[in-house]
Amino acid sequence: MFADVLEQPQPEAVEVDERPTILIIDDDAVLADVLSRRLRQQRFEAITATSGRSGLSTARSQRPALIVLDLRLPDADGLSICEELADSPETCTVPVIILSGLEQPDILRRCRAAGCHYFVRKPYDPNALLILIRQAIRETGDWDESDE
């Protein structure tokens, strides 16, 4: 009786989606939609928020791998949103790429001081943005593209 080998239960195969999630916080619905589609084509998950407050809430609840943030939002200044993201324990390790068309002379310094990792000026090269997104996520150590 003891010599009989008991069949061990096998865990069910669970499909785990390891694609990094990118949160786009931008009130320009067309830009957010185009960028979301492009990111999905590149094997990212993409979620969007059209205001600063909803973006903060989404960032805290979804914990994205990266945030693309516009500076001109209907309810808040993008720099203050970036500072809140950098100061929050839930989001302080999430890289932020600011995507903006602002032409102020000290904008780069102010963005860096607010906690952004990269600044991309609109209009932007989508391929250059994808390179920065991949680089920023790799820098966090949370993603290895070779796993895909």
C-alpha atoms as a PDB file:
ATOM      1  CA  MET A   1       0.000   0.000   0.000  1.00  0.00           C
ATOM      2  CA  PHE A   2       2.698   2.464   0.932  1.00  0.00           C
ATOM      3  CA  ALA A   3       4.620   1.423  -2.116  1.00  0.00           C
ATOM      4  CA  ASP A   4       1.926   2.880  -4.322  1.00  0.00           C
ATOM      5  CA  VAL A   5       2.965   6.242  -5.594  1.00  0.00           C
ATOM      6  CA  LEU A   6       0.370   8.873  -5.017  1.00  0.00           C
ATOM      7  CA  GLU A   7      -0.218  11.170  -7.876  1.00  0.00           C
ATOM      8  CA  GLN A   8       0.640  14.685  -6.868  1.00  0.00           C
ATOM      9  CA  PRO A   9      -1.901  17.330  -7.727  1.00  0.00           C
ATOM     10  CA  GLN A  10      -0.678  19.590 -10.481  1.00  0.00           C
ATOM     11  CA  PRO A  11      -1.294  23.310 -10.265  1.00  0.00           C
ATOM     12  CA  GLU A  12      -3.555  24.652 -12.926  1.00  0.00           C
ATOM     13  CA  ALA A  13      -1.829  26.546 -15.675  1.00  0.00           C
ATOM     14  CA  VAL A  14      -2.449  30.193 -15.106  1.00  0.00           C
ATOM     15  CA  GLU A  15      -1.695  32.652 -17.829  1.00  0.00           C
ATOM     16  CA  VAL A  16       0.087  35.581 -16.279  1.00  0.00           C
ATOM     17  CA  ASP A  17       0.299  38.769 -18.259  1.00  0.00           C
ATOM     18  CA  GLU A  18       3.801  40.096 -17.657  1.00  0.00           C
ATOM     19  CA  ARG A  19       3.420  43.034 -19.982  1.00  0.00           C
ATOM     20  CA  PRO A  20       4.335  46.300 -18.269  1.00  0.00           C
ATOM     21  CA  THR A  21       1.479  48.738 -17.792  1.00  0.00           C
ATOM     22  CA  ILE A  22       1.928  52.329 -18.922  1.00  0.00           C
ATOM     23  CA  LEU A  23      -0.359  55.031 -17.529  1.00  0.00           C
ATOM     24  CA  ILE A  24      -0.935  57.993 -19.845  1.00  0.00           C
ATOM     25  CA  ILE A  25      -2.165  61.128 -18.063  1.00  0.00           C
ATOM     26  CA  ASP A  26      -3.197  63.573 -20.778  1.00  0.00           C
ATOM     27  CA  ASP A  27      -6.387  65.502 -21.486  1.00  0.00           C
ATOM     28  CA  ASP A  28      -5.831  65.204 -25.247  1.00  0.00           C
ATOM     29  CA  ALA A  29      -7.963  62.128 -25.975  1.00  0.00           C
ATOM     30  CA  VAL A  30      -6.627  61.717 -29.519  1.00  0.00           C
ATOM     31  CA  LEU A  31      -2.991  61.764 -28.399  1.00  0.00           C
ATOM     32  CA  ALA A  32      -3.734  59.351 -25.531  1.00  0.00           C
ATOM     33  CA  ASP A  33      -5.578  56.977 -27.858  1.00  0.00           C
ATOM     34  CA  VAL A  34      -2.856  56.987 -30.516  1.00  0.00           C
ATOM     35  CA  LEU A  35      -0.142  56.453 -27.904  1.00  0.00           C
ATOM     36  CA  SER A  36      -2.167  53.680 -26.220  1.00  0.00           C
ATOM     37  CA  ARG A  37      -2.550  51.830 -29.512  1.00  0.00           C
ATOM     38  CA  ARG A  38       1.131  52.179 -30.277  1.00  0.00           C
ATOM     39  CA  LEU A  39       2.080  50.867 -26.831  1.00  0.00           C
ATOM     40  CA  ARG A  40      -0.241  47.872 -27.183  1.00  0.00           C
ATOM     41  CA  GLN A  41       1.367  47.072 -30.539  1.00  0.00           C
ATOM     42  CA  GLN A  42       4.698  47.037 -28.705  1.00  0.00           C
ATOM     43  CA  ARG A  43       3.389  44.557 -26.091  1.00  0.00           C
ATOM     44  CA  PHE A  44       2.643  47.009 -23.314  1.00  0.00           C
ATOM     45  CA  GLU A  45      -0.609  47.442 -21.471  1.00  0.00           C
ATOM     46  CA  ALA A  46      -1.873  51.014 -21.664  1.00  0.00           C
ATOM     47  CA  ILE A  47      -4.346  52.815 -19.441  1.00  0.00           C
ATOM     48  CA  THR A  48      -5.330  56.460 -19.641  1.00  0.00           C
ATOM     49  CA  ALA A  49      -6.517  59.243 -17.386  1.00  0.00           C
ATOM     50  CA  THR A  50      -7.725  62.610 -18.655  1.00  0.00           C
ATOM     51  CA  SER A  51      -7.083  64.647 -15.511  1.00  0.00           C
ATOM     52  CA  GLY A  52      -4.386  64.985 -12.898  1.00  0.00           C
ATOM     53  CA  ARG A  53      -6.529  63.797  -9.977  1.00  0.00           C
ATOM     54  CA  SER A  54      -7.843  60.740 -11.808  1.00  0.00           C
ATOM     55  CA  GLY A  55      -4.287  59.998 -12.941  1.00  0.00           C
ATOM     56  CA  LEU A  56      -3.021  60.095  -9.348  1.00  0.00           C
ATOM     57  CA  SER A  57      -5.802  57.799  -8.223  1.00  0.00           C
ATOM     58  CA  THR A  58      -5.166  55.380 -11.082  1.00  0.00           C
ATOM     59  CA  ALA A  59      -1.409  55.403 -10.439  1.00  0.00           C
ATOM     60  CA  ARG A  60      -1.923  54.549  -6.774  1.00  0.00           C
ATOM     61  CA  SER A  61      -4.432  51.772  -7.435  1.00  0.00           C
ATOM     62  CA  GLN A  62      -2.930  50.236 -10.602  1.00  0.00           C
ATOM     63  CA  ARG A  63       0.771  50.709  -9.841  1.00  0.00           C
ATOM     64  CA  PRO A  64       1.920  51.081 -13.466  1.00  0.00           C
ATOM     65  CA  ALA A  65       5.460  50.356 -14.599  1.00  0.00           C
ATOM     66  CA  LEU A  66       5.730  53.887 -16.035  1.00  0.00           C
ATOM     67  CA  ILE A  67       3.714  57.102 -16.332  1.00  0.00           C
ATOM     68  CA  VAL A  68       3.593  59.423 -19.340  1.00  0.00           C
ATOM     69  CA  LEU A  69       2.420  62.792 -18.024  1.00  0.00           C
ATOM     70  CA  ASP A  70       1.317  65.987 -19.742  1.00  0.00           C
ATOM     71  CA  LEU A  71       1.943  69.279 -17.943  1.00  0.00           C
ATOM     72  CA  ARG A  72      -1.257  71.025 -19.005  1.00  0.00           C
ATOM     73  CA  LEU A  73      -4.175  69.259 -17.371  1.00  0.00           C
ATOM     74  CA  PRO A  74      -7.693  70.579 -16.812  1.00  0.00           C
ATOM     75  CA  ASP A  75      -7.674  70.222 -13.021  1.00  0.00           C
ATOM     76  CA  ALA A  76      -4.032  70.444 -11.977  1.00  0.00           C
ATOM     77  CA  ASP A  77      -0.554  71.489 -12.971  1.00  0.00           C
ATOM     78  CA  GLY A  78       1.401  68.510 -14.285  1.00  0.00           C
ATOM     79  CA  LEU A  79       4.452  69.518 -12.234  1.00  0.00           C
ATOM     80  CA  SER A  80       2.455  69.289  -9.001  1.00  0.00           C
ATOM     81  CA  ILE A  81       1.126  65.887 -10.088  1.00  0.00           C
ATOM     82  CA  CYS A  82       4.694  64.760 -10.795  1.00  0.00           C
ATOM     83  CA  GLU A  83       5.759  65.942  -7.317  1.00  0.00           C
ATOM     84  CA  GLU A  84       2.862  64.073  -5.693  1.00  0.00           C
ATOM     85  CA  LEU A  85       3.804  60.920  -7.593  1.00  0.00           C
ATOM     86  CA  ALA A  86       7.434  61.270  -6.468  1.00  0.00           C
ATOM     87  CA  ASP A  87       6.402  61.898  -2.832  1.00  0.00           C
ATOM     88  CA  SER A  88       3.843  59.092  -2.544  1.00  0.00           C
ATOM     89  CA  PRO A  89       5.059  55.733  -1.165  1.00  0.00           C
ATOM     90  CA  GLU A  90       2.842  53.911  -3.696  1.00  0.00           C
ATOM     91  CA  THR A  91       4.310  55.657  -6.738  1.00  0.00           C
ATOM     92  CA  CYS A  92       7.739  57.011  -5.798  1.00  0.00           C
ATOM     93  CA  THR A  93       9.560  54.248  -7.713  1.00  0.00           C
ATOM     94  CA  VAL A  94       7.481  54.628 -10.884  1.00  0.00           C
ATOM     95  CA  PRO A  95       9.411  56.481 -13.602  1.00  0.00           C
ATOM     96  CA  VAL A  96       7.660  59.512 -15.079  1.00  0.00           C
ATOM     97  CA  ILE A  97       8.161  60.773 -18.619  1.00  0.00           C
ATOM     98  CA  ILE A  98       6.781  64.249 -19.128  1.00  0.00           C
ATOM     99  CA  LEU A  99       5.385  64.789 -22.608  1.00  0.00           C
ATOM    100  CA  SER A 100       4.686  68.472 -23.155  1.00  0.00           C
ATOM    101  CA  GLY A 101       4.714  71.295 -25.637  1.00  0.00           C
ATOM    102  CA  LEU A 102       5.508  73.992 -23.072  1.00  0.00           C
ATOM    103  CA  GLU A 103       8.221  76.377 -24.249  1.00  0.00           C
ATOM    104  CA  GLN A 104       9.303  77.923 -20.939  1.00  0.00           C
ATOM    105  CA  PRO A 105      13.055  78.538 -20.601  1.00  0.00           C
ATOM    106  CA  ASP A 106      13.442  76.660 -17.308  1.00  0.00           C
ATOM    107  CA  ILE A 107      10.952  73.869 -17.956  1.00  0.00           C
ATOM    108  CA  LEU A 108      13.540  71.074 -18.038  1.00  0.00           C
ATOM    109  CA  ARG A 109      15.012  72.112 -14.696  1.00  0.00           C
ATOM    110  CA  ARG A 110      11.547  72.394 -13.140  1.00  0.00           C
ATOM    111  CA  CYS A 111      10.530  68.964 -14.451  1.00  0.00           C
ATOM    112  CA  ARG A 112      13.668  67.327 -13.067  1.00  0.00           C
ATOM    113  CA  ALA A 113      13.119  69.074  -9.719  1.00  0.00           C
ATOM    114  CA  ALA A 114       9.550  67.719  -9.671  1.00  0.00           C
ATOM    115  CA  GLY A 115      10.854  64.162 -10.083  1.00  0.00           C
ATOM    116  CA  CYS A 116      10.500  63.316 -13.773  1.00  0.00           C
ATOM    117  CA  HIS A 117      12.969  60.939 -15.386  1.00  0.00           C
ATOM    118  CA  TYR A 118      12.715  62.150 -18.972  1.00  0.00           C
ATOM    119  CA  PHE A 119      11.217  65.140 -20.777  1.00  0.00           C
ATOM    120  CA  VAL A 120       9.915  64.788 -24.332  1.00  0.00           C
ATOM    121  CA  ARG A 121       8.748  67.846 -26.221  1.00  0.00           C
ATOM    122  CA  LYS A 122       5.578  67.735 -28.345  1.00  0.00           C
ATOM    123  CA  PRO A 123       5.388  67.087 -31.208  1.00  0.00           C
ATOM    124  CA  TYR A 124       7.434  64.004 -30.532  1.00  0.00           C
ATOM    125  CA  ASP A 125       8.996  61.107 -32.409  1.00  0.00           C
ATOM    126  CA  PRO A 126       6.995  57.992 -31.379  1.00  0.00           C
ATOM    127  CA  ASN A 127      10.019  55.737 -31.842  1.00  0.00           C
ATOM    128  CA  ALA A 128      12.174  57.926 -29.597  1.00  0.00           C
ATOM    129  CA  LEU A 129       9.437  57.873 -26.950  1.00  0.00           C
ATOM    130  CA  LEU A 130       9.269  54.074 -27.107  1.00  0.00           C
ATOM    131  CA  ILE A 131      13.026  53.865 -26.630  1.00  0.00           C
ATOM    132  CA  LEU A 132      12.794  56.098 -23.555  1.00  0.00           C
ATOM    133  CA  ILE A 133       9.878  54.076 -22.162  1.00  0.00           C
ATOM    134  CA  ARG A 134      11.825  50.828 -22.522  1.00  0.00           C
ATOM    135  CA  GLN A 135      14.951  52.400 -21.031  1.00  0.00           C
ATOM    136  CA  ALA A 136      13.116  53.860 -18.039  1.00  0.00           C
ATOM    137  CA  ILE A 137      11.384  50.566 -17.246  1.00  0.00           C
ATOM    138  CA  ARG A 138      14.642  48.616 -17.612  1.00  0.00           C
ATOM    139  CA  GLU A 139      16.315  51.042 -15.196  1.00  0.00           C
ATOM    140  CA  THR A 140      13.807  50.082 -12.498  1.00  0.00           C
ATOM    141  CA  GLY A 141      14.854  46.445 -12.845  1.00  0.00           C
ATOM    142  CA  ASP A 142      11.229  45.296 -12.996  1.00  0.00           C
ATOM    143  CA  TRP A 143      11.265  44.140 -16.600  1.00  0.00           C
ATOM    144  CA  ASP A 144      13.455  42.066 -18.829  1.00  0.00           C
ATOM    145  CA  GLU A 145      12.437  42.144 -22.482  1.00  0.00           C
ATOM    146  CA  SER A 146      14.085  38.778 -23.069  1.00  0.00           C
ATOM    147  CA  ASP A 147      11.245  37.162 -21.073  1.00  0.00           C
ATOM    148  CA  GLU A 148       8.790  37.990 -23.845  1.00  0.00           C
END
